[in-house]
N, C-alpha and C. Protein backbone atom coordinates (compact mmCIF):
# COMPACT_ATOMS: atom_id res chain seq x y z
N MET A 1 15.03 1.84 3.27
CA MET A 1 15.08 3.53 3.34
C MET A 1 15.81 3.80 4.46
N LYS A 2 16.51 4.88 4.54
CA LYS A 2 17.40 5.40 5.79
C LYS A 2 16.85 6.87 5.93
N ILE A 3 16.51 7.08 7.24
CA ILE A 3 16.01 8.40 7.70
C ILE A 3 17.15 8.87 8.60
N ALA A 4 17.46 10.36 8.45
CA ALA A 4 18.33 10.89 9.36
C ALA A 4 17.62 11.95 10.16
N VAL A 5 18.06 12.18 11.62
CA VAL A 5 17.45 13.09 12.38
C VAL A 5 18.57 13.99 12.97
N THR A 6 18.52 15.18 12.77
CA THR A 6 19.51 16.07 13.58
C THR A 6 19.26 15.51 15.18
N TYR A 7 20.48 15.35 15.81
CA TYR A 7 20.36 14.88 16.98
C TYR A 7 21.12 15.38 18.12
N GLU A 8 20.70 15.53 19.31
CA GLU A 8 21.54 15.89 20.45
C GLU A 8 20.82 15.54 21.78
N ASP A 9 21.38 14.76 22.71
CA ASP A 9 20.72 14.42 23.96
C ASP A 9 19.48 13.70 23.77
N GLY A 10 19.35 12.77 22.86
CA GLY A 10 18.08 12.09 22.73
C GLY A 10 16.98 12.79 22.24
N ASN A 11 17.18 14.17 21.56
CA ASN A 11 16.11 15.10 21.13
C ASN A 11 16.49 15.44 19.67
N ILE A 12 15.59 15.80 18.91
CA ILE A 12 15.88 16.38 17.64
C ILE A 12 16.64 17.73 17.87
N TYR A 13 17.70 17.80 17.04
CA TYR A 13 18.37 19.03 17.55
C TYR A 13 17.79 20.40 16.44
N GLY A 14 17.88 21.50 17.06
CA GLY A 14 17.09 22.62 16.35
C GLY A 14 17.57 23.22 14.92
N HIS A 15 18.79 22.90 14.66
CA HIS A 15 19.17 23.45 13.24
C HIS A 15 20.22 22.37 12.56
N PHE A 16 19.91 22.21 11.27
CA PHE A 16 20.53 21.21 10.42
C PHE A 16 22.06 21.59 10.37
N GLY A 17 22.26 22.87 9.96
CA GLY A 17 23.85 23.21 9.75
C GLY A 17 24.59 23.24 10.98
N HIS A 18 23.91 23.24 12.20
CA HIS A 18 24.78 23.17 13.33
C HIS A 18 24.84 21.82 14.04
N THR A 19 24.17 20.82 13.71
CA THR A 19 24.11 19.64 14.36
C THR A 19 25.41 18.96 14.45
N GLN A 20 25.89 18.58 15.58
CA GLN A 20 27.13 17.66 15.84
C GLN A 20 26.80 16.24 15.57
N GLN A 21 25.64 15.75 15.58
CA GLN A 21 25.26 14.31 15.50
C GLN A 21 24.00 14.13 14.68
N PHE A 22 23.96 12.94 13.77
CA PHE A 22 22.61 12.63 13.16
C PHE A 22 22.28 11.08 13.95
N LYS A 23 21.08 10.88 14.08
CA LYS A 23 20.72 9.61 14.34
C LYS A 23 20.09 8.97 13.11
N ILE A 24 20.63 7.88 12.41
CA ILE A 24 20.23 7.45 11.30
C ILE A 24 19.56 5.99 11.43
N TYR A 25 18.25 5.95 11.02
CA TYR A 25 17.47 4.85 11.28
C TYR A 25 17.26 4.24 9.72
N THR A 26 17.37 2.88 9.70
CA THR A 26 17.19 2.00 8.57
C THR A 26 15.71 1.65 8.79
N VAL A 27 14.86 1.66 7.89
CA VAL A 27 13.45 1.30 7.83
C VAL A 27 13.39 0.24 6.57
N GLU A 28 12.66 -0.78 6.96
CA GLU A 28 12.40 -1.87 5.85
C GLU A 28 11.15 -2.39 6.32
N GLN A 29 10.16 -2.31 5.32
CA GLN A 29 8.64 -2.61 5.20
C GLN A 29 8.00 -2.09 6.43
N GLY A 30 8.26 -0.74 6.49
CA GLY A 30 7.57 0.09 7.40
C GLY A 30 7.98 0.07 8.96
N SER A 31 9.10 -0.70 9.19
CA SER A 31 9.47 -0.96 10.65
C SER A 31 11.04 -0.43 10.73
N VAL A 32 11.35 0.12 11.85
CA VAL A 32 12.86 0.43 12.01
C VAL A 32 13.62 -0.83 12.37
N VAL A 33 14.64 -1.26 11.59
CA VAL A 33 15.36 -2.43 11.68
C VAL A 33 16.62 -2.05 12.38
N SER A 34 17.19 -0.81 12.38
CA SER A 34 18.30 -0.49 13.09
C SER A 34 18.37 0.87 13.40
N SER A 35 19.35 1.42 14.08
CA SER A 35 19.59 3.06 14.31
C SER A 35 21.11 2.92 14.69
N GLU A 36 21.67 4.20 14.30
CA GLU A 36 22.98 4.58 14.98
C GLU A 36 23.06 6.02 15.03
N VAL A 37 23.92 6.40 16.01
CA VAL A 37 24.19 7.86 16.08
C VAL A 37 25.53 8.24 15.63
N VAL A 38 25.57 8.95 14.64
CA VAL A 38 26.81 9.39 13.92
C VAL A 38 27.39 10.69 14.05
N PRO A 39 28.48 10.90 14.71
CA PRO A 39 29.18 12.17 14.90
C PRO A 39 29.33 12.87 13.42
N THR A 40 29.11 14.19 13.26
CA THR A 40 29.37 14.89 12.04
C THR A 40 30.83 15.54 11.95
N GLY A 41 31.49 15.59 13.05
CA GLY A 41 32.76 16.27 12.98
C GLY A 41 32.35 17.83 12.96
N ASP A 42 33.19 18.49 12.18
CA ASP A 42 33.17 20.04 12.10
C ASP A 42 32.37 20.30 10.65
N SER A 43 31.64 19.54 10.16
CA SER A 43 30.89 19.83 8.83
C SER A 43 29.95 20.84 8.95
N GLY A 44 29.78 21.62 7.73
CA GLY A 44 28.75 22.70 7.69
C GLY A 44 27.81 22.47 6.83
N HIS A 45 27.06 23.35 6.44
CA HIS A 45 25.83 23.03 5.57
C HIS A 45 26.11 22.14 4.38
N GLY A 46 27.04 22.74 3.51
CA GLY A 46 27.08 21.78 2.25
C GLY A 46 27.71 20.50 2.45
N ALA A 47 28.63 20.35 3.51
CA ALA A 47 29.39 19.25 3.79
C ALA A 47 28.38 18.22 4.40
N LEU A 48 27.54 18.62 5.22
CA LEU A 48 26.49 17.76 5.81
C LEU A 48 25.51 17.16 4.95
N ALA A 49 25.40 17.83 3.81
CA ALA A 49 24.39 17.34 2.70
C ALA A 49 24.98 16.22 2.05
N GLY A 50 26.48 16.35 1.78
CA GLY A 50 27.13 15.08 1.18
C GLY A 50 27.49 14.04 2.26
N PHE A 51 27.67 14.39 3.59
CA PHE A 51 27.75 13.50 4.63
C PHE A 51 26.55 12.45 4.61
N LEU A 52 25.23 12.98 4.47
CA LEU A 52 24.24 12.05 4.43
C LEU A 52 24.10 11.24 3.27
N LYS A 53 24.22 11.99 2.20
CA LYS A 53 24.34 11.28 0.68
C LYS A 53 25.11 10.25 0.75
N GLU A 54 26.28 10.16 1.35
CA GLU A 54 27.47 9.35 1.04
C GLU A 54 27.03 7.94 2.02
N ARG A 55 26.06 8.39 3.19
CA ARG A 55 25.49 7.19 4.05
C ARG A 55 24.22 6.61 3.55
N GLY A 56 23.71 7.08 2.26
CA GLY A 56 22.54 6.49 1.75
C GLY A 56 21.37 7.05 2.23
N VAL A 57 21.30 8.20 2.89
CA VAL A 57 20.19 8.83 3.38
C VAL A 57 19.06 9.24 2.66
N ASP A 58 17.70 8.85 2.67
CA ASP A 58 16.72 9.20 1.79
C ASP A 58 15.99 10.39 2.23
N THR A 59 15.76 10.49 3.49
CA THR A 59 14.87 11.48 4.20
C THR A 59 15.70 12.01 5.45
N LEU A 60 15.42 13.31 5.57
CA LEU A 60 15.94 14.23 6.72
C LEU A 60 14.91 14.63 7.45
N ILE A 61 15.09 14.41 8.80
CA ILE A 61 14.11 15.12 9.72
C ILE A 61 14.92 16.13 10.57
N CYS A 62 14.40 17.37 10.63
CA CYS A 62 15.27 18.34 11.32
C CYS A 62 14.46 19.37 11.90
N GLY A 63 15.01 19.89 12.94
CA GLY A 63 13.97 21.08 13.72
C GLY A 63 14.13 22.32 12.93
N GLY A 64 15.07 22.62 11.97
CA GLY A 64 15.12 23.92 11.16
C GLY A 64 16.12 23.54 10.10
N ILE A 65 15.93 24.33 9.21
CA ILE A 65 16.83 24.33 8.06
C ILE A 65 16.84 25.67 7.28
N GLY A 66 18.00 26.19 7.09
CA GLY A 66 18.07 27.58 6.35
C GLY A 66 17.85 27.39 4.86
N GLY A 67 17.69 28.57 4.24
CA GLY A 67 17.68 28.48 2.69
C GLY A 67 18.85 28.22 2.03
N GLY A 68 20.12 28.41 2.68
CA GLY A 68 21.24 28.05 2.06
C GLY A 68 21.44 26.58 1.77
N ALA A 69 20.98 25.72 2.77
CA ALA A 69 20.98 24.26 2.75
C ALA A 69 19.93 23.95 1.87
N LEU A 70 18.87 24.52 1.62
CA LEU A 70 17.72 23.97 0.77
C LEU A 70 18.25 24.31 -0.73
N GLU A 71 19.19 25.16 -0.89
CA GLU A 71 19.45 25.58 -2.29
C GLU A 71 20.38 24.38 -2.79
N LEU A 72 20.85 23.64 -2.07
CA LEU A 72 21.82 22.56 -2.55
C LEU A 72 20.98 21.40 -3.34
N ASN A 73 21.58 21.05 -4.34
CA ASN A 73 20.78 20.04 -5.23
C ASN A 73 20.53 18.68 -4.54
N CYS A 74 20.89 18.30 -3.43
CA CYS A 74 20.65 17.13 -2.78
C CYS A 74 19.65 17.20 -1.63
N ILE A 75 18.99 18.39 -1.33
CA ILE A 75 18.11 18.60 -0.40
C ILE A 75 16.89 19.34 -1.03
N ARG A 76 15.79 18.71 -0.66
CA ARG A 76 14.52 19.52 -1.12
C ARG A 76 13.61 19.27 -0.07
N GLU A 77 12.88 20.34 0.10
CA GLU A 77 11.86 20.34 1.31
C GLU A 77 10.61 19.73 0.87
N GLN A 78 10.34 18.75 1.34
CA GLN A 78 9.00 17.83 1.28
C GLN A 78 8.96 17.40 -0.24
N SER A 79 9.91 17.02 -0.90
CA SER A 79 10.09 16.74 -2.32
C SER A 79 9.54 15.18 -2.52
N ASP A 80 9.01 15.00 -3.69
CA ASP A 80 8.79 13.67 -4.11
C ASP A 80 10.11 13.25 -5.03
N LEU A 81 11.02 13.99 -5.18
CA LEU A 81 12.02 13.60 -6.14
C LEU A 81 12.87 12.59 -5.31
N PRO A 82 13.54 11.66 -6.02
CA PRO A 82 14.26 10.60 -5.60
C PRO A 82 15.59 11.20 -5.06
N MET A 83 15.45 12.18 -4.19
CA MET A 83 16.66 12.59 -3.55
C MET A 83 16.42 12.77 -2.14
N MET A 84 17.18 13.34 -1.36
CA MET A 84 16.90 13.54 0.12
C MET A 84 15.85 14.43 0.17
N GLN A 85 14.93 14.26 1.24
CA GLN A 85 13.82 15.05 1.53
C GLN A 85 13.95 15.56 3.01
N CYS A 86 13.49 16.79 3.19
CA CYS A 86 13.63 17.47 4.37
C CYS A 86 12.15 17.65 4.94
N ARG A 87 11.76 17.14 6.17
CA ARG A 87 10.44 17.22 6.74
C ARG A 87 10.64 18.14 7.99
N HIS A 88 9.78 19.36 7.84
CA HIS A 88 9.76 20.18 9.10
C HIS A 88 8.58 19.70 9.87
N PHE A 89 8.55 19.92 11.09
CA PHE A 89 7.43 19.62 12.05
C PHE A 89 6.43 20.72 12.42
């Protein structure tokens, strides 16, 4: 499983659509086996969803996400679908 976190200065960044980086964790058998910080470039909401999907991300953790991003077919808020999930704190 791959988990992406909106990321800035060691913390979860406050908004999905404006994040400049994701920290992507690879989890196997309940343990983190690797992580990497990946810059997003100038991608916006729609491009960020594709950016994560291309990297095989299963779950997204973010400080906040707008309705526009949730309307995309590859992001579902707390969904059990085999697509990317978004978990709010």
